[in-house]
């Protein structure tokens, strides 16, 4: 995040606590990615896409409004949760909304290229927003985009679910895998600082 130095100065982050602004996102994203895919299969990919976009938008709004370190870290975690639920739903929606062949290949190419373009533009626009408006703008910019997507997703996307006679959900397995993933990500995050 380009805005880290500005928000660190304004909110009084120490070097150790500042790491959690980035790590909270990574921890939630890495921990909930698998469960996001399973939830998309069970409750519907379009529905999960909308819920996940709402969570990401809410995390962005909370991040922009935050006036304390804890609120900002929670907001980043909420963005990570939204991202973890969004990723599998997005890819599944591409697979189910576009016919196999040229259309699907083109949609996958656009989806893949948007990741690189988004990263590049995010760095550039993040720097401009932070310099001329403030670090809060790097969060606020996501809110209207999330609202736009939430409004138009039911119109533009067809719902898809994995056909199943049972809606069995292995809660214990999902919780243990999620906790395991979160512990792995937590270890990778904290090991450089702790030694």
N, C-alpha and C. Protein backbone atom coordinates (compact mmCIF):
# COMPACT_ATOMS: atom_id res chain seq x y z
N UNK A 1 0.84 -1.18 0.00
CA UNK A 1 0.00 0.00 0.00
C UNK A 1 0.88 1.24 0.00
N UNK A 2 0.62 2.12 -0.94
CA UNK A 2 1.39 3.34 -1.09
C UNK A 2 1.12 4.31 0.06
N UNK A 3 -0.05 4.21 0.65
CA UNK A 3 -0.46 5.17 1.68
C UNK A 3 0.08 4.84 3.07
N UNK A 4 0.85 3.78 3.22
CA UNK A 4 1.29 3.34 4.54
C UNK A 4 2.08 4.42 5.30
N UNK A 5 3.06 5.09 4.69
CA UNK A 5 3.78 6.11 5.46
C UNK A 5 2.86 7.22 5.99
N UNK A 6 1.89 7.65 5.17
CA UNK A 6 0.98 8.72 5.60
C UNK A 6 0.08 8.28 6.74
N UNK A 7 -0.51 7.10 6.61
CA UNK A 7 -1.41 6.64 7.68
C UNK A 7 -0.63 6.29 8.94
N UNK A 8 0.60 5.82 8.78
CA UNK A 8 1.44 5.51 9.95
C UNK A 8 1.71 6.77 10.75
N UNK A 9 2.01 7.85 10.04
CA UNK A 9 2.29 9.11 10.72
C UNK A 9 1.05 9.67 11.39
N UNK A 10 -0.08 9.63 10.68
CA UNK A 10 -1.31 10.22 11.22
C UNK A 10 -1.89 9.42 12.38
N UNK A 11 -1.84 8.10 12.30
CA UNK A 11 -2.43 7.27 13.35
C UNK A 11 -1.41 6.82 14.40
N UNK A 12 -0.15 7.18 14.24
CA UNK A 12 0.87 6.89 15.24
C UNK A 12 1.28 5.43 15.33
N UNK A 13 1.35 4.76 14.20
CA UNK A 13 1.74 3.35 14.19
C UNK A 13 3.23 3.20 14.55
N UNK A 14 3.54 2.18 15.35
CA UNK A 14 4.93 1.77 15.51
C UNK A 14 5.28 0.87 14.34
N UNK A 15 6.57 0.61 14.15
CA UNK A 15 6.99 -0.23 13.02
C UNK A 15 6.37 -1.63 13.11
N UNK A 16 6.32 -2.21 14.32
CA UNK A 16 5.73 -3.55 14.48
C UNK A 16 4.24 -3.55 14.21
N UNK A 17 3.52 -2.56 14.72
CA UNK A 17 2.08 -2.52 14.51
C UNK A 17 1.72 -2.19 13.06
N UNK A 18 2.56 -1.42 12.39
CA UNK A 18 2.30 -1.04 11.01
C UNK A 18 2.25 -2.26 10.09
N UNK A 19 3.04 -3.26 10.44
CA UNK A 19 3.05 -4.50 9.65
C UNK A 19 1.67 -5.12 9.57
N UNK A 20 0.84 -4.93 10.61
CA UNK A 20 -0.47 -5.55 10.66
C UNK A 20 -1.47 -4.92 9.70
N UNK A 21 -1.17 -3.71 9.21
CA UNK A 21 -2.05 -3.10 8.21
C UNK A 21 -2.05 -3.95 6.94
N UNK A 22 -0.90 -4.44 6.57
CA UNK A 22 -0.79 -5.32 5.40
C UNK A 22 -1.11 -6.76 5.78
N UNK A 23 -0.61 -7.20 6.92
CA UNK A 23 -0.75 -8.60 7.32
C UNK A 23 -2.18 -9.00 7.64
N UNK A 24 -2.98 -8.09 8.15
CA UNK A 24 -4.38 -8.42 8.46
C UNK A 24 -5.11 -8.85 7.20
N UNK A 25 -4.85 -8.17 6.10
CA UNK A 25 -5.44 -8.54 4.82
C UNK A 25 -4.96 -9.93 4.39
N UNK A 26 -3.65 -10.13 4.43
CA UNK A 26 -3.07 -11.40 3.99
C UNK A 26 -3.56 -12.56 4.84
N UNK A 27 -3.66 -12.35 6.14
CA UNK A 27 -4.09 -13.39 7.06
C UNK A 27 -5.53 -13.81 6.78
N UNK A 28 -6.42 -12.82 6.64
CA UNK A 28 -7.82 -13.14 6.36
C UNK A 28 -7.98 -13.75 4.96
N UNK A 29 -7.27 -13.21 3.99
CA UNK A 29 -7.37 -13.72 2.62
C UNK A 29 -6.88 -15.16 2.55
N UNK A 30 -5.69 -15.42 3.08
CA UNK A 30 -5.13 -16.77 3.03
C UNK A 30 -5.93 -17.77 3.85
N UNK A 31 -6.47 -17.31 4.97
CA UNK A 31 -7.20 -18.22 5.85
C UNK A 31 -8.57 -18.61 5.33
N UNK A 32 -9.25 -17.71 4.65
CA UNK A 32 -10.64 -17.95 4.25
C UNK A 32 -10.83 -18.26 2.77
N UNK A 33 -9.75 -18.39 2.02
CA UNK A 33 -9.87 -18.63 0.58
C UNK A 33 -10.55 -19.97 0.27
N UNK A 34 -10.15 -21.02 0.96
CA UNK A 34 -10.75 -22.34 0.70
C UNK A 34 -12.22 -22.38 1.08
N UNK A 35 -12.54 -21.80 2.22
CA UNK A 35 -13.94 -21.82 2.65
C UNK A 35 -14.79 -20.95 1.73
N UNK A 36 -14.18 -19.93 1.14
CA UNK A 36 -14.90 -19.09 0.17
C UNK A 36 -15.33 -19.88 -1.05
N UNK A 37 -14.46 -20.75 -1.52
CA UNK A 37 -14.82 -21.59 -2.67
C UNK A 37 -15.96 -22.53 -2.35
N UNK A 38 -15.92 -23.13 -1.18
CA UNK A 38 -16.98 -24.07 -0.80
C UNK A 38 -18.32 -23.37 -0.60
N UNK A 39 -18.27 -22.19 0.03
CA UNK A 39 -19.51 -21.43 0.22
C UNK A 39 -20.11 -21.01 -1.12
N UNK A 40 -19.27 -20.66 -2.08
CA UNK A 40 -19.76 -20.30 -3.42
C UNK A 40 -20.49 -21.47 -4.05
N UNK A 41 -19.94 -22.68 -3.88
CA UNK A 41 -20.57 -23.86 -4.44
C UNK A 41 -21.93 -24.12 -3.79
N UNK A 42 -22.02 -23.92 -2.49
CA UNK A 42 -23.24 -24.26 -1.76
C UNK A 42 -24.35 -23.23 -1.89
N UNK A 43 -24.02 -21.96 -1.72
CA UNK A 43 -25.10 -20.96 -1.67
C UNK A 43 -25.28 -20.20 -2.97
N UNK A 44 -24.40 -20.41 -3.92
CA UNK A 44 -24.52 -19.75 -5.20
C UNK A 44 -23.38 -18.76 -5.42
N UNK A 45 -22.82 -18.83 -6.60
CA UNK A 45 -21.64 -18.02 -6.88
C UNK A 45 -21.96 -16.54 -7.03
N UNK A 46 -23.07 -16.23 -7.67
CA UNK A 46 -23.45 -14.81 -7.80
C UNK A 46 -23.79 -14.23 -6.44
N UNK A 47 -24.52 -14.98 -5.65
CA UNK A 47 -24.87 -14.51 -4.31
C UNK A 47 -23.61 -14.28 -3.47
N UNK A 48 -22.66 -15.22 -3.54
CA UNK A 48 -21.42 -15.07 -2.78
C UNK A 48 -20.60 -13.90 -3.32
N UNK A 49 -20.61 -13.71 -4.63
CA UNK A 49 -19.91 -12.58 -5.24
C UNK A 49 -20.45 -11.26 -4.69
N UNK A 50 -21.75 -11.15 -4.58
CA UNK A 50 -22.38 -9.92 -4.08
C UNK A 50 -22.06 -9.73 -2.60
N UNK A 51 -22.17 -10.79 -1.81
CA UNK A 51 -21.85 -10.70 -0.38
C UNK A 51 -20.39 -10.32 -0.18
N UNK A 52 -19.51 -10.97 -0.93
CA UNK A 52 -18.08 -10.69 -0.81
C UNK A 52 -17.75 -9.26 -1.21
N UNK A 53 -18.37 -8.78 -2.28
CA UNK A 53 -18.14 -7.39 -2.69
C UNK A 53 -18.65 -6.43 -1.63
N UNK A 54 -19.76 -6.78 -1.00
CA UNK A 54 -20.28 -5.96 0.10
C UNK A 54 -19.31 -5.91 1.28
N UNK A 55 -18.74 -7.07 1.63
CA UNK A 55 -17.76 -7.10 2.72
C UNK A 55 -16.52 -6.28 2.38
N UNK A 56 -16.05 -6.40 1.14
CA UNK A 56 -14.88 -5.63 0.73
C UNK A 56 -15.18 -4.13 0.75
N UNK A 57 -16.35 -3.75 0.26
CA UNK A 57 -16.75 -2.35 0.28
C UNK A 57 -16.91 -1.82 1.70
N UNK A 58 -17.50 -2.64 2.58
CA UNK A 58 -17.66 -2.25 3.98
C UNK A 58 -16.30 -2.08 4.65
N UNK A 59 -15.37 -3.01 4.39
CA UNK A 59 -14.02 -2.88 4.92
C UNK A 59 -13.33 -1.63 4.42
N UNK A 60 -13.56 -1.29 3.15
CA UNK A 60 -12.97 -0.07 2.58
C UNK A 60 -13.55 1.17 3.24
N UNK A 61 -14.86 1.20 3.44
CA UNK A 61 -15.50 2.33 4.10
C UNK A 61 -14.99 2.48 5.53
N UNK A 62 -14.93 1.36 6.25
CA UNK A 62 -14.43 1.38 7.62
C UNK A 62 -12.97 1.83 7.68
N UNK A 63 -12.17 1.40 6.69
CA UNK A 63 -10.77 1.81 6.63
C UNK A 63 -10.63 3.31 6.43
N UNK A 64 -11.45 3.88 5.55
CA UNK A 64 -11.40 5.32 5.31
C UNK A 64 -11.86 6.12 6.51
N UNK A 65 -12.81 5.58 7.25
CA UNK A 65 -13.34 6.28 8.42
C UNK A 65 -12.50 6.08 9.69
N UNK A 66 -11.57 5.12 9.65
CA UNK A 66 -10.86 4.75 10.88
C UNK A 66 -10.01 5.89 11.42
N UNK A 67 -10.09 6.02 12.74
CA UNK A 67 -9.30 7.03 13.44
C UNK A 67 -8.40 6.38 14.49
N UNK A 68 -8.33 5.06 14.45
CA UNK A 68 -7.46 4.35 15.38
C UNK A 68 -6.78 3.19 14.65
N UNK A 69 -5.70 2.73 15.23
CA UNK A 69 -4.95 1.63 14.64
C UNK A 69 -5.78 0.36 14.59
N UNK A 70 -6.48 0.06 15.68
CA UNK A 70 -7.26 -1.17 15.76
C UNK A 70 -8.36 -1.21 14.70
N UNK A 71 -9.08 -0.10 14.54
CA UNK A 71 -10.16 -0.06 13.54
C UNK A 71 -9.59 -0.26 12.14
N UNK A 72 -8.45 0.35 11.85
CA UNK A 72 -7.84 0.19 10.53
C UNK A 72 -7.41 -1.25 10.28
N UNK A 73 -6.85 -1.90 11.29
CA UNK A 73 -6.43 -3.30 11.15
C UNK A 73 -7.65 -4.20 10.95
N UNK A 74 -8.72 -3.94 11.69
CA UNK A 74 -9.96 -4.71 11.51
C UNK A 74 -10.52 -4.48 10.10
N UNK A 75 -10.48 -3.25 9.62
CA UNK A 75 -10.97 -2.94 8.27
C UNK A 75 -10.17 -3.69 7.22
N UNK A 76 -8.86 -3.77 7.39
CA UNK A 76 -8.03 -4.52 6.44
C UNK A 76 -8.36 -6.01 6.48
N UNK A 77 -8.62 -6.53 7.68
CA UNK A 77 -9.02 -7.93 7.79
C UNK A 77 -10.35 -8.18 7.09
N UNK A 78 -11.27 -7.24 7.21
CA UNK A 78 -12.57 -7.36 6.55
C UNK A 78 -12.40 -7.31 5.03
N UNK A 79 -11.50 -6.46 4.56
CA UNK A 79 -11.20 -6.45 3.12
C UNK A 79 -10.61 -7.79 2.68
N UNK A 80 -9.73 -8.35 3.50
CA UNK A 80 -9.14 -9.65 3.17
C UNK A 80 -10.18 -10.75 3.12
N UNK A 81 -11.12 -10.73 4.07
CA UNK A 81 -12.22 -11.71 4.07
C UNK A 81 -13.05 -11.55 2.80
N UNK A 82 -13.39 -10.32 2.45
CA UNK A 82 -14.14 -10.08 1.22
C UNK A 82 -13.39 -10.57 0.00
N UNK A 83 -12.09 -10.31 -0.05
CA UNK A 83 -11.27 -10.77 -1.17
C UNK A 83 -11.21 -12.29 -1.26
N UNK A 84 -11.12 -12.95 -0.10
CA UNK A 84 -11.05 -14.42 -0.07
C UNK A 84 -12.35 -15.05 -0.56
N UNK A 85 -13.46 -14.44 -0.25
CA UNK A 85 -14.75 -14.95 -0.72
C UNK A 85 -15.01 -14.58 -2.17
N UNK A 86 -14.42 -13.46 -2.59
CA UNK A 86 -14.64 -12.94 -3.94
C UNK A 86 -13.88 -13.72 -5.00
N UNK A 87 -12.64 -14.09 -4.73
CA UNK A 87 -11.79 -14.72 -5.75
C UNK A 87 -12.38 -16.00 -6.34
N UNK A 88 -12.75 -16.99 -5.51
CA UNK A 88 -13.30 -18.22 -6.12
C UNK A 88 -14.65 -17.99 -6.79
N UNK A 89 -15.46 -17.08 -6.23
CA UNK A 89 -16.76 -16.80 -6.85
C UNK A 89 -16.58 -16.17 -8.22
N UNK A 90 -15.61 -15.26 -8.34
CA UNK A 90 -15.38 -14.58 -9.61
C UNK A 90 -14.95 -15.56 -10.70
N UNK A 91 -13.98 -16.38 -10.39
CA UNK A 91 -13.50 -17.34 -11.39
C UNK A 91 -14.60 -18.34 -11.77
N UNK A 92 -15.35 -18.80 -10.79
CA UNK A 92 -16.45 -19.73 -11.08
C UNK A 92 -17.53 -19.08 -11.94
N UNK A 93 -17.81 -17.80 -11.68
CA UNK A 93 -18.82 -17.10 -12.48
C UNK A 93 -18.37 -16.96 -13.94
N UNK A 94 -17.09 -16.74 -14.15
CA UNK A 94 -16.58 -16.67 -15.52
C UNK A 94 -16.79 -18.02 -16.21
N UNK A 95 -16.48 -19.09 -15.49
CA UNK A 95 -16.62 -20.42 -16.08
C UNK A 95 -18.08 -20.76 -16.39
N UNK A 96 -19.00 -20.29 -15.56
CA UNK A 96 -20.40 -20.66 -15.76
C UNK A 96 -21.17 -19.67 -16.63
N UNK A 97 -20.71 -18.43 -16.75
CA UNK A 97 -21.43 -17.42 -17.52
C UNK A 97 -20.96 -17.30 -18.96
N UNK A 98 -19.85 -17.93 -19.29
CA UNK A 98 -19.34 -17.86 -20.66
C UNK A 98 -19.20 -19.27 -21.21
N UNK A 99 -19.67 -19.46 -22.45
CA UNK A 99 -19.59 -20.76 -23.09
C UNK A 99 -18.14 -21.14 -23.35
N UNK A 100 -17.91 -22.45 -23.28
CA UNK A 100 -16.56 -22.94 -23.53
C UNK A 100 -16.13 -22.56 -24.95
N UNK A 101 -14.89 -22.18 -25.08
CA UNK A 101 -14.37 -21.78 -26.39
C UNK A 101 -13.87 -20.35 -26.35
N UNK A 102 -14.07 -19.64 -27.46
CA UNK A 102 -13.52 -18.31 -27.64
C UNK A 102 -13.99 -17.32 -26.56
N UNK A 103 -15.29 -17.33 -26.27
CA UNK A 103 -15.83 -16.37 -25.30
C UNK A 103 -15.24 -16.57 -23.91
N UNK A 104 -15.18 -17.82 -23.47
CA UNK A 104 -14.61 -18.10 -22.15
C UNK A 104 -13.13 -17.78 -22.11
N UNK A 105 -12.40 -18.14 -23.17
CA UNK A 105 -10.97 -17.84 -23.22
C UNK A 105 -10.72 -16.34 -23.15
N UNK A 106 -11.55 -15.59 -23.86
CA UNK A 106 -11.41 -14.13 -23.84
C UNK A 106 -11.73 -13.58 -22.45
N UNK A 107 -12.79 -14.08 -21.83
CA UNK A 107 -13.15 -13.62 -20.48
C UNK A 107 -12.05 -13.95 -19.48
N UNK A 108 -11.46 -15.13 -19.57
CA UNK A 108 -10.36 -15.50 -18.67
C UNK A 108 -9.13 -14.62 -18.91
N UNK A 109 -8.87 -14.29 -20.17
CA UNK A 109 -7.73 -13.42 -20.47
C UNK A 109 -7.94 -12.02 -19.90
N UNK A 110 -9.16 -11.51 -20.02
CA UNK A 110 -9.47 -10.19 -19.45
C UNK A 110 -9.34 -10.25 -17.94
N UNK A 111 -9.89 -11.29 -17.32
CA UNK A 111 -9.81 -11.45 -15.85
C UNK A 111 -8.37 -11.49 -15.38
N UNK A 112 -7.53 -12.27 -16.06
CA UNK A 112 -6.13 -12.40 -15.67
C UNK A 112 -5.38 -11.09 -15.87
N UNK A 113 -5.63 -10.41 -16.97
CA UNK A 113 -4.91 -9.16 -17.22
C UNK A 113 -5.34 -8.05 -16.27
N UNK A 114 -6.57 -8.09 -15.79
CA UNK A 114 -7.04 -7.08 -14.85
C UNK A 114 -6.26 -7.11 -13.53
N UNK A 115 -5.77 -8.29 -13.15
CA UNK A 115 -4.95 -8.38 -11.95
C UNK A 115 -3.68 -7.56 -12.06
N UNK A 116 -2.98 -7.70 -13.17
CA UNK A 116 -1.75 -6.93 -13.39
C UNK A 116 -2.03 -5.45 -13.58
N UNK A 117 -3.07 -5.15 -14.36
CA UNK A 117 -3.42 -3.75 -14.59
C UNK A 117 -3.87 -3.10 -13.28
N UNK A 118 -4.67 -3.83 -12.51
CA UNK A 118 -5.14 -3.30 -11.23
C UNK A 118 -4.01 -3.01 -10.26
N UNK A 119 -3.04 -3.92 -10.22
CA UNK A 119 -1.89 -3.71 -9.34
C UNK A 119 -1.10 -2.49 -9.76
N UNK A 120 -0.83 -2.35 -11.05
CA UNK A 120 -0.07 -1.21 -11.55
C UNK A 120 -0.81 0.10 -11.35
N UNK A 121 -2.08 0.14 -11.75
CA UNK A 121 -2.87 1.36 -11.58
C UNK A 121 -3.10 1.68 -10.10
N UNK A 122 -3.26 0.63 -9.29
CA UNK A 122 -3.45 0.84 -7.86
C UNK A 122 -2.28 1.57 -7.23
N UNK A 123 -1.08 1.18 -7.60
CA UNK A 123 0.11 1.86 -7.07
C UNK A 123 0.16 3.31 -7.54
N UNK A 124 -0.09 3.53 -8.81
CA UNK A 124 -0.03 4.88 -9.37
C UNK A 124 -1.13 5.77 -8.78
N UNK A 125 -2.37 5.29 -8.85
CA UNK A 125 -3.49 6.09 -8.34
C UNK A 125 -3.43 6.23 -6.82
N UNK A 126 -2.95 5.19 -6.14
CA UNK A 126 -2.80 5.28 -4.69
C UNK A 126 -1.86 6.39 -4.29
N UNK A 127 -0.76 6.52 -5.03
CA UNK A 127 0.18 7.61 -4.76
C UNK A 127 -0.43 8.97 -5.00
N UNK A 128 -1.18 9.09 -6.10
CA UNK A 128 -1.82 10.38 -6.42
C UNK A 128 -2.88 10.72 -5.37
N UNK A 129 -3.73 9.75 -5.02
CA UNK A 129 -4.77 10.00 -4.03
C UNK A 129 -4.18 10.37 -2.67
N UNK A 130 -3.13 9.65 -2.27
CA UNK A 130 -2.50 9.92 -0.97
C UNK A 130 -1.87 11.31 -0.96
N UNK A 131 -1.21 11.68 -2.04
CA UNK A 131 -0.52 12.96 -2.11
C UNK A 131 -1.50 14.14 -2.11
N UNK A 132 -2.56 14.04 -2.91
CA UNK A 132 -3.43 15.20 -3.10
C UNK A 132 -4.70 15.21 -2.24
N UNK A 133 -5.13 14.05 -1.77
CA UNK A 133 -6.37 14.01 -0.98
C UNK A 133 -6.09 13.51 0.43
N UNK A 134 -5.38 12.42 0.56
CA UNK A 134 -5.08 11.83 1.87
C UNK A 134 -5.18 10.32 1.78
N UNK A 135 -4.60 9.63 2.75
CA UNK A 135 -4.57 8.17 2.72
C UNK A 135 -5.98 7.58 2.76
N UNK A 136 -6.93 8.29 3.35
CA UNK A 136 -8.30 7.78 3.44
C UNK A 136 -8.90 7.54 2.05
N UNK A 137 -8.49 8.36 1.08
CA UNK A 137 -9.04 8.24 -0.28
C UNK A 137 -8.69 6.90 -0.91
N UNK A 138 -7.58 6.28 -0.50
CA UNK A 138 -7.23 4.97 -1.06
C UNK A 138 -8.22 3.90 -0.63
N UNK A 139 -8.91 4.14 0.46
CA UNK A 139 -9.98 3.23 0.89
C UNK A 139 -11.31 3.63 0.27
N UNK A 140 -11.62 4.93 0.31
CA UNK A 140 -12.91 5.41 -0.18
C UNK A 140 -13.13 5.12 -1.66
N UNK A 141 -12.07 5.06 -2.44
CA UNK A 141 -12.22 4.85 -3.89
C UNK A 141 -12.87 3.51 -4.19
N UNK A 142 -12.74 2.54 -3.30
CA UNK A 142 -13.33 1.21 -3.51
C UNK A 142 -14.84 1.19 -3.26
N UNK A 143 -15.34 2.12 -2.45
CA UNK A 143 -16.75 2.06 -2.02
C UNK A 143 -17.71 2.25 -3.20
N UNK A 144 -17.57 3.30 -4.04
CA UNK A 144 -18.52 3.42 -5.16
C UNK A 144 -18.39 2.28 -6.18
N UNK A 145 -17.18 1.76 -6.33
CA UNK A 145 -16.99 0.63 -7.25
C UNK A 145 -17.74 -0.59 -6.72
N UNK A 146 -17.62 -0.84 -5.42
CA UNK A 146 -18.33 -1.97 -4.80
C UNK A 146 -19.84 -1.80 -4.93
N UNK A 147 -20.34 -0.60 -4.69
CA UNK A 147 -21.79 -0.35 -4.83
C UNK A 147 -22.26 -0.57 -6.26
N UNK A 148 -21.50 -0.08 -7.23
CA UNK A 148 -21.83 -0.27 -8.64
C UNK A 148 -21.92 -1.76 -8.97
N UNK A 149 -20.93 -2.52 -8.54
CA UNK A 149 -20.90 -3.95 -8.83
C UNK A 149 -22.07 -4.67 -8.15
N UNK A 150 -22.36 -4.32 -6.91
CA UNK A 150 -23.47 -4.95 -6.17
C UNK A 150 -24.81 -4.69 -6.87
N UNK A 151 -24.98 -3.48 -7.38
CA UNK A 151 -26.24 -3.13 -8.04
C UNK A 151 -26.40 -3.87 -9.37
N UNK A 152 -25.31 -3.96 -10.15
CA UNK A 152 -25.42 -4.51 -11.50
C UNK A 152 -25.14 -6.01 -11.59
N UNK A 153 -24.58 -6.62 -10.56
CA UNK A 153 -24.31 -8.07 -10.61
C UNK A 153 -25.56 -8.90 -10.86
N UNK A 154 -26.69 -8.63 -10.20
CA UNK A 154 -27.88 -9.44 -10.48
C UNK A 154 -28.39 -9.31 -11.92
N UNK A 155 -28.08 -8.19 -12.55
CA UNK A 155 -28.52 -7.96 -13.92
C UNK A 155 -27.57 -8.64 -14.91
N UNK A 156 -26.28 -8.53 -14.65
CA UNK A 156 -25.27 -8.97 -15.62
C UNK A 156 -24.85 -10.43 -15.47
N UNK A 157 -25.03 -11.02 -14.30
CA UNK A 157 -24.51 -12.36 -14.04
C UNK A 157 -25.63 -13.35 -13.79
N UNK A 158 -25.46 -14.56 -14.31
CA UNK A 158 -26.39 -15.65 -14.04
C UNK A 158 -25.95 -16.38 -12.78
N UNK A 159 -26.90 -16.80 -11.96
CA UNK A 159 -26.56 -17.56 -10.76
C UNK A 159 -26.11 -18.95 -11.16
N UNK A 160 -25.15 -19.48 -10.41
CA UNK A 160 -24.74 -20.87 -10.64
C UNK A 160 -24.37 -21.49 -9.31
N UNK A 161 -24.75 -22.75 -9.17
CA UNK A 161 -24.43 -23.54 -7.98
C UNK A 161 -23.95 -24.89 -8.46
N UNK A 162 -23.23 -25.56 -7.59
CA UNK A 162 -22.86 -26.93 -7.88
C UNK A 162 -24.05 -27.80 -7.55
N UNK A 163 -24.59 -28.56 -8.54
CA UNK A 163 -25.75 -29.39 -8.25
C UNK A 163 -25.40 -30.47 -7.23
N UNK A 164 -26.21 -30.54 -6.19
CA UNK A 164 -25.96 -31.51 -5.13
C UNK A 164 -27.27 -31.86 -4.46
N UNK A 165 -27.44 -33.14 -4.15
CA UNK A 165 -28.65 -33.56 -3.44
C UNK A 165 -28.57 -33.19 -1.98
N UNK A 166 -27.37 -33.15 -1.44
CA UNK A 166 -27.23 -32.80 -0.04
C UNK A 166 -26.47 -31.48 0.07
N UNK A 167 -26.85 -30.71 1.02
CA UNK A 167 -26.16 -29.45 1.30
C UNK A 167 -25.27 -29.63 2.51
N UNK A 168 -24.68 -30.81 2.59
CA UNK A 168 -23.80 -31.11 3.70
C UNK A 168 -22.59 -30.19 3.66
N UNK A 169 -22.28 -29.69 4.79
CA UNK A 169 -21.12 -28.81 4.91
C UNK A 169 -20.30 -29.28 6.10
N UNK A 170 -19.10 -29.65 5.85
CA UNK A 170 -18.20 -30.15 6.89
C UNK A 170 -17.67 -28.98 7.70
N UNK A 171 -18.44 -28.59 8.72
CA UNK A 171 -18.08 -27.42 9.53
C UNK A 171 -16.75 -27.64 10.24
N UNK A 172 -16.57 -28.80 10.86
CA UNK A 172 -15.33 -29.06 11.58
C UNK A 172 -14.13 -29.04 10.64
N UNK A 173 -14.28 -29.64 9.47
CA UNK A 173 -13.20 -29.63 8.49
C UNK A 173 -12.90 -28.23 7.99
N UNK A 174 -13.95 -27.46 7.71
CA UNK A 174 -13.76 -26.10 7.22
C UNK A 174 -13.07 -25.22 8.26
N UNK A 175 -13.52 -25.36 9.51
CA UNK A 175 -12.92 -24.57 10.60
C UNK A 175 -11.46 -24.96 10.80
N UNK A 176 -11.16 -26.26 10.81
CA UNK A 176 -9.79 -26.70 11.05
C UNK A 176 -8.86 -26.30 9.90
N UNK A 177 -9.33 -26.41 8.65
CA UNK A 177 -8.51 -26.00 7.52
C UNK A 177 -8.29 -24.48 7.55
N UNK A 178 -9.34 -23.73 7.85
CA UNK A 178 -9.22 -22.27 7.91
C UNK A 178 -8.26 -21.85 9.02
N UNK A 179 -8.39 -22.45 10.20
CA UNK A 179 -7.47 -22.12 11.29
C UNK A 179 -6.05 -22.52 10.93
N UNK A 180 -5.89 -23.69 10.31
CA UNK A 180 -4.56 -24.13 9.88
C UNK A 180 -3.94 -23.16 8.88
N UNK A 181 -4.73 -22.73 7.89
CA UNK A 181 -4.22 -21.76 6.92
C UNK A 181 -3.87 -20.44 7.59
N UNK A 182 -4.72 -20.01 8.51
CA UNK A 182 -4.45 -18.75 9.21
C UNK A 182 -3.17 -18.86 10.04
N UNK A 183 -2.95 -19.99 10.69
CA UNK A 183 -1.73 -20.17 11.48
C UNK A 183 -0.49 -20.18 10.59
N UNK A 184 -0.59 -20.80 9.43
CA UNK A 184 0.55 -20.80 8.50
C UNK A 184 0.86 -19.37 8.04
N UNK A 185 -0.19 -18.64 7.65
CA UNK A 185 0.03 -17.26 7.22
C UNK A 185 0.54 -16.42 8.38
N UNK A 186 -0.01 -16.62 9.58
CA UNK A 186 0.44 -15.89 10.77
C UNK A 186 1.92 -16.16 11.04
N UNK A 187 2.32 -17.42 10.93
CA UNK A 187 3.72 -17.78 11.14
C UNK A 187 4.62 -17.07 10.12
N UNK A 188 4.20 -17.09 8.85
CA UNK A 188 5.00 -16.45 7.81
C UNK A 188 5.10 -14.93 8.02
N UNK A 189 4.04 -14.35 8.57
CA UNK A 189 4.02 -12.91 8.81
C UNK A 189 4.92 -12.55 10.00
N UNK A 190 4.81 -13.31 11.07
CA UNK A 190 5.50 -12.92 12.31
C UNK A 190 6.92 -13.45 12.42
N UNK A 191 7.27 -14.48 11.67
CA UNK A 191 8.60 -15.06 11.84
C UNK A 191 9.76 -14.10 11.55
N UNK A 192 9.67 -13.21 10.55
CA UNK A 192 10.79 -12.29 10.35
C UNK A 192 11.00 -11.35 11.55
N UNK A 193 9.91 -10.92 12.18
CA UNK A 193 10.04 -9.99 13.32
C UNK A 193 10.46 -10.74 14.59
N UNK A 194 9.96 -11.95 14.78
CA UNK A 194 10.22 -12.68 16.01
C UNK A 194 11.54 -13.46 15.96
N UNK A 195 11.99 -13.79 14.75
CA UNK A 195 13.25 -14.54 14.62
C UNK A 195 13.04 -16.03 14.70
